[in-house]
Amino acid sequence: MTDDPQWHSEQGVQTLDSAAYSAYKGRQVDLTTRPGFGMFSYDLFFEVMRN
């Protein structure tokens, strides 16, 4: 897992939706930036650990 935003469109395909994630978080999040993608990665890490 990484907080590096270069992976937001791996192989030229946009797989993440900043608007949807922003709605989930209740605030504006840009998944193409390191802080935004890092926040997303952090949530994923804990989801994997829970499951």
PDB file of N, CA and C in Angstrom:
ATOM      1  N   MET A   1       0.855  -1.163   0.000  1.00  0.00           N
ATOM      2  CA  MET A   1       0.000   0.000   0.000  1.00  0.00           C
ATOM      3  C   MET A   1       0.903   1.229   0.000  1.00  0.00           C
ATOM      4  N   THR A   2       0.444   2.274  -0.654  1.00  0.00           N
ATOM      5  CA  THR A   2       1.252   3.477  -0.790  1.00  0.00           C
ATOM      6  C   THR A   2       0.376   4.721  -0.712  1.00  0.00           C
ATOM      7  N   ASP A   3       1.011   5.843  -0.391  1.00  0.00           N
ATOM      8  CA  ASP A   3       0.296   7.122  -0.450  1.00  0.00           C
ATOM      9  C   ASP A   3       0.725   7.910  -1.676  1.00  0.00           C
ATOM     10  N   ASP A   4       1.426   7.260  -2.600  1.00  0.00           N
ATOM     11  CA  ASP A   4       1.924   7.917  -3.808  1.00  0.00           C
ATOM     12  C   ASP A   4       0.789   8.059  -4.826  1.00  0.00           C
ATOM     13  N   PRO A   5       0.381   9.293  -5.145  1.00  0.00           N
ATOM     14  CA  PRO A   5      -0.775   9.503  -6.020  1.00  0.00           C
ATOM     15  C   PRO A   5      -0.547   9.101  -7.475  1.00  0.00           C
ATOM     16  N   GLN A   6       0.677   8.726  -7.850  1.00  0.00           N
ATOM     17  CA  GLN A   6       0.897   8.339  -9.242  1.00  0.00           C
ATOM     18  C   GLN A   6       0.059   7.122  -9.629  1.00  0.00           C
ATOM     19  N   TRP A   7      -0.426   6.376  -8.664  1.00  0.00           N
ATOM     20  CA  TRP A   7      -1.170   5.151  -8.942  1.00  0.00           C
ATOM     21  C   TRP A   7      -2.669   5.386  -9.109  1.00  0.00           C
ATOM     22  N   HIS A   8      -3.112   6.640  -9.087  1.00  0.00           N
ATOM     23  CA  HIS A   8      -4.553   6.896  -9.210  1.00  0.00           C
ATOM     24  C   HIS A   8      -5.077   6.555 -10.599  1.00  0.00           C
ATOM     25  N   SER A   9      -4.210   6.474 -11.585  1.00  0.00           N
ATOM     26  CA  SER A   9      -4.670   6.085 -12.931  1.00  0.00           C
ATOM     27  C   SER A   9      -3.679   5.095 -13.553  1.00  0.00           C
ATOM     28  N   GLU A  10      -3.442   4.033 -12.840  1.00  0.00           N
ATOM     29  CA  GLU A  10      -2.499   3.014 -13.302  1.00  0.00           C
ATOM     30  C   GLU A  10      -2.920   2.478 -14.666  1.00  0.00           C
ATOM     31  N   GLN A  11      -1.982   2.349 -15.554  1.00  0.00           N
ATOM     32  CA  GLN A  11      -2.192   1.859 -16.915  1.00  0.00           C
ATOM     33  C   GLN A  11      -3.123   2.760 -17.716  1.00  0.00           C
ATOM     34  N   GLY A  12      -3.211   4.047 -17.324  1.00  0.00           N
ATOM     35  CA  GLY A  12      -4.006   5.005 -18.074  1.00  0.00           C
ATOM     36  C   GLY A  12      -5.502   4.929 -17.846  1.00  0.00           C
ATOM     37  N   VAL A  13      -5.919   4.145 -16.872  1.00  0.00           N
ATOM     38  CA  VAL A  13      -7.345   3.986 -16.567  1.00  0.00           C
ATOM     39  C   VAL A  13      -7.621   4.596 -15.200  1.00  0.00           C
ATOM     40  N   GLN A  14      -8.515   5.565 -15.167  1.00  0.00           N
ATOM     41  CA  GLN A  14      -8.888   6.202 -13.901  1.00  0.00           C
ATOM     42  C   GLN A  14      -9.779   5.236 -13.118  1.00  0.00           C
ATOM     43  N   THR A  15      -9.287   4.769 -11.994  1.00  0.00           N
ATOM     44  CA  THR A  15     -10.036   3.778 -11.219  1.00  0.00           C
ATOM     45  C   THR A  15     -10.616   4.356  -9.929  1.00  0.00           C
ATOM     46  N   LEU A  16     -10.254   5.576  -9.589  1.00  0.00           N
ATOM     47  CA  LEU A  16     -10.737   6.186  -8.359  1.00  0.00           C
ATOM     48  C   LEU A  16     -11.621   7.381  -8.667  1.00  0.00           C
ATOM     49  N   ASP A  17     -12.568   7.647  -7.800  1.00  0.00           N
ATOM     50  CA  ASP A  17     -13.535   8.722  -7.989  1.00  0.00           C
ATOM     51  C   ASP A  17     -13.441   9.681  -6.806  1.00  0.00           C
ATOM     52  N   SER A  18     -12.766  10.812  -7.015  1.00  0.00           N
ATOM     53  CA  SER A  18     -12.585  11.786  -5.933  1.00  0.00           C
ATOM     54  C   SER A  18     -13.917  12.296  -5.402  1.00  0.00           C
ATOM     55  N   ALA A  19     -14.897  12.509  -6.277  1.00  0.00           N
ATOM     56  CA  ALA A  19     -16.199  13.021  -5.831  1.00  0.00           C
ATOM     57  C   ALA A  19     -16.900  12.014  -4.921  1.00  0.00           C
ATOM     58  N   ALA A  20     -16.855  10.751  -5.269  1.00  0.00           N
ATOM     59  CA  ALA A  20     -17.501   9.723  -4.448  1.00  0.00           C
ATOM     60  C   ALA A  20     -16.801   9.584  -3.098  1.00  0.00           C
ATOM     61  N   TYR A  21     -15.474   9.585  -3.110  1.00  0.00           N
ATOM     62  CA  TYR A  21     -14.736   9.471  -1.849  1.00  0.00           C
ATOM     63  C   TYR A  21     -14.955  10.710  -0.990  1.00  0.00           C
ATOM     64  N   SER A  22     -15.033  11.882  -1.616  1.00  0.00           N
ATOM     65  CA  SER A  22     -15.310  13.121  -0.882  1.00  0.00           C
ATOM     66  C   SER A  22     -16.670  13.045  -0.207  1.00  0.00           C
ATOM     67  N   ALA A  23     -17.664  12.510  -0.910  1.00  0.00           N
ATOM     68  CA  ALA A  23     -19.000  12.366  -0.327  1.00  0.00           C
ATOM     69  C   ALA A  23     -18.966  11.404   0.864  1.00  0.00           C
ATOM     70  N   TYR A  24     -18.212  10.329   0.729  1.00  0.00           N
ATOM     71  CA  TYR A  24     -18.066   9.354   1.815  1.00  0.00           C
ATOM     72  C   TYR A  24     -17.403   9.988   3.030  1.00  0.00           C
ATOM     73  N   LYS A  25     -16.344  10.801   2.802  1.00  0.00           N
ATOM     74  CA  LYS A  25     -15.611  11.413   3.903  1.00  0.00           C
ATOM     75  C   LYS A  25     -16.306  12.655   4.463  1.00  0.00           C
ATOM     76  N   GLY A  26     -17.202  13.243   3.700  1.00  0.00           N
ATOM     77  CA  GLY A  26     -17.897  14.439   4.156  1.00  0.00           C
ATOM     78  C   GLY A  26     -17.104  15.714   3.985  1.00  0.00           C
ATOM     79  N   ARG A  27     -16.071  15.665   3.159  1.00  0.00           N
ATOM     80  CA  ARG A  27     -15.274  16.854   2.846  1.00  0.00           C
ATOM     81  C   ARG A  27     -14.556  16.620   1.527  1.00  0.00           C
ATOM     82  N   GLN A  28     -14.063  17.687   0.935  1.00  0.00           N
ATOM     83  CA  GLN A  28     -13.407  17.619  -0.371  1.00  0.00           C
ATOM     84  C   GLN A  28     -12.065  16.890  -0.282  1.00  0.00           C
ATOM     85  N   VAL A  29     -11.898  15.851  -1.090  1.00  0.00           N
ATOM     86  CA  VAL A  29     -10.651  15.087  -1.132  1.00  0.00           C
ATOM     87  C   VAL A  29     -10.263  14.906  -2.600  1.00  0.00           C
ATOM     88  N   ASP A  30      -9.043  15.275  -2.939  1.00  0.00           N
ATOM     89  CA  ASP A  30      -8.531  15.102  -4.301  1.00  0.00           C
ATOM     90  C   ASP A  30      -7.587  13.910  -4.306  1.00  0.00           C
ATOM     91  N   LEU A  31      -8.013  12.812  -4.917  1.00  0.00           N
ATOM     92  CA  LEU A  31      -7.227  11.585  -4.899  1.00  0.00           C
ATOM     93  C   LEU A  31      -6.000  11.641  -5.801  1.00  0.00           C
ATOM     94  N   THR A  32      -5.825  12.717  -6.546  1.00  0.00           N
ATOM     95  CA  THR A  32      -4.638  12.843  -7.392  1.00  0.00           C
ATOM     96  C   THR A  32      -3.492  13.536  -6.658  1.00  0.00           C
ATOM     97  N   THR A  33      -3.710  13.906  -5.388  1.00  0.00           N
ATOM     98  CA  THR A  33      -2.660  14.537  -4.586  1.00  0.00           C
ATOM     99  C   THR A  33      -2.186  13.556  -3.517  1.00  0.00           C
ATOM    100  N   ARG A  34      -0.988  13.774  -3.020  1.00  0.00           N
ATOM    101  CA  ARG A  34      -0.437  12.881  -1.986  1.00  0.00           C
ATOM    102  C   ARG A  34      -1.300  12.901  -0.714  1.00  0.00           C
ATOM    103  N   PRO A  35      -1.731  14.058  -0.210  1.00  0.00           N
ATOM    104  CA  PRO A  35      -2.577  14.035   0.992  1.00  0.00           C
ATOM    105  C   PRO A  35      -3.907  13.300   0.768  1.00  0.00           C
ATOM    106  N   GLY A  36      -4.529  13.537  -0.362  1.00  0.00           N
ATOM    107  CA  GLY A  36      -5.817  12.894  -0.643  1.00  0.00           C
ATOM    108  C   GLY A  36      -5.688  11.403  -0.845  1.00  0.00           C
ATOM    109  N   PHE A  37      -4.718  11.005  -1.661  1.00  0.00           N
ATOM    110  CA  PHE A  37      -4.519   9.581  -1.902  1.00  0.00           C
ATOM    111  C   PHE A  37      -4.007   8.892  -0.641  1.00  0.00           C
ATOM    112  N   GLY A  38      -3.219   9.609   0.154  1.00  0.00           N
ATOM    113  CA  GLY A  38      -2.756   9.058   1.422  1.00  0.00           C
ATOM    114  C   GLY A  38      -3.907   8.780   2.370  1.00  0.00           C
ATOM    115  N   MET A  39      -4.883   9.680   2.410  1.00  0.00           N
ATOM    116  CA  MET A  39      -6.063   9.490   3.255  1.00  0.00           C
ATOM    117  C   MET A  39      -6.831   8.242   2.807  1.00  0.00           C
ATOM    118  N   PHE A  40      -6.983   8.103   1.498  1.00  0.00           N
ATOM    119  CA  PHE A  40      -7.663   6.941   0.931  1.00  0.00           C
ATOM    120  C   PHE A  40      -6.892   5.657   1.266  1.00  0.00           C
ATOM    121  N   SER A  41      -5.587   5.671   1.095  1.00  0.00           N
ATOM    122  CA  SER A  41      -4.761   4.499   1.384  1.00  0.00           C
ATOM    123  C   SER A  41      -4.831   4.123   2.862  1.00  0.00           C
ATOM    124  N   TYR A  42      -4.845   5.120   3.722  1.00  0.00           N
ATOM    125  CA  TYR A  42      -4.942   4.891   5.159  1.00  0.00           C
ATOM    126  C   TYR A  42      -6.243   4.161   5.489  1.00  0.00           C
ATOM    127  N   ASP A  43      -7.351   4.628   4.911  1.00  0.00           N
ATOM    128  CA  ASP A  43      -8.639   3.963   5.131  1.00  0.00           C
ATOM    129  C   ASP A  43      -8.612   2.532   4.614  1.00  0.00           C
ATOM    130  N   LEU A  44      -8.014   2.322   3.439  1.00  0.00           N
ATOM    131  CA  LEU A  44      -7.935   0.969   2.886  1.00  0.00           C
ATOM    132  C   LEU A  44      -7.103   0.048   3.767  1.00  0.00           C
ATOM    133  N   PHE A  45      -5.995   0.553   4.289  1.00  0.00           N
ATOM    134  CA  PHE A  45      -5.145  -0.256   5.153  1.00  0.00           C
ATOM    135  C   PHE A  45      -5.941  -0.792   6.334  1.00  0.00           C
ATOM    136  N   PHE A  46      -6.705   0.074   6.992  1.00  0.00           N
ATOM    137  CA  PHE A  46      -7.464  -0.373   8.154  1.00  0.00           C
ATOM    138  C   PHE A  46      -8.641  -1.257   7.765  1.00  0.00           C
ATOM    139  N   GLU A  47      -9.208  -1.075   6.604  1.00  0.00           N
ATOM    140  CA  GLU A  47     -10.257  -1.978   6.125  1.00  0.00           C
ATOM    141  C   GLU A  47      -9.691  -3.380   5.918  1.00  0.00           C
ATOM    142  N   VAL A  48      -8.516  -3.467   5.332  1.00  0.00           N
ATOM    143  CA  VAL A  48      -7.875  -4.771   5.118  1.00  0.00           C
ATOM    144  C   VAL A  48      -7.566  -5.431   6.462  1.00  0.00           C
ATOM    145  N   MET A  49      -7.078  -4.659   7.407  1.00  0.00           N
ATOM    146  CA  MET A  49      -6.753  -5.221   8.715  1.00  0.00           C
ATOM    147  C   MET A  49      -8.018  -5.727   9.448  1.00  0.00           C
ATOM    148  N   ARG A  50      -9.123  -4.995   9.323  1.00  0.00           N
ATOM    149  CA  ARG A  50     -10.374  -5.416   9.961  1.00  0.00           C
ATOM    150  C   ARG A  50     -10.913  -6.704   9.355  1.00  0.00           C
ATOM    151  N   ASN A  51     -10.740  -6.827   8.047  1.00  0.00           N
ATOM    152  CA  ASN A  51     -11.335  -7.973   7.359  1.00  0.00           C
ATOM    153  C   ASN A  51     -10.354  -9.116   7.225  1.00  0.00           C
TER     154      ASN A  51
END
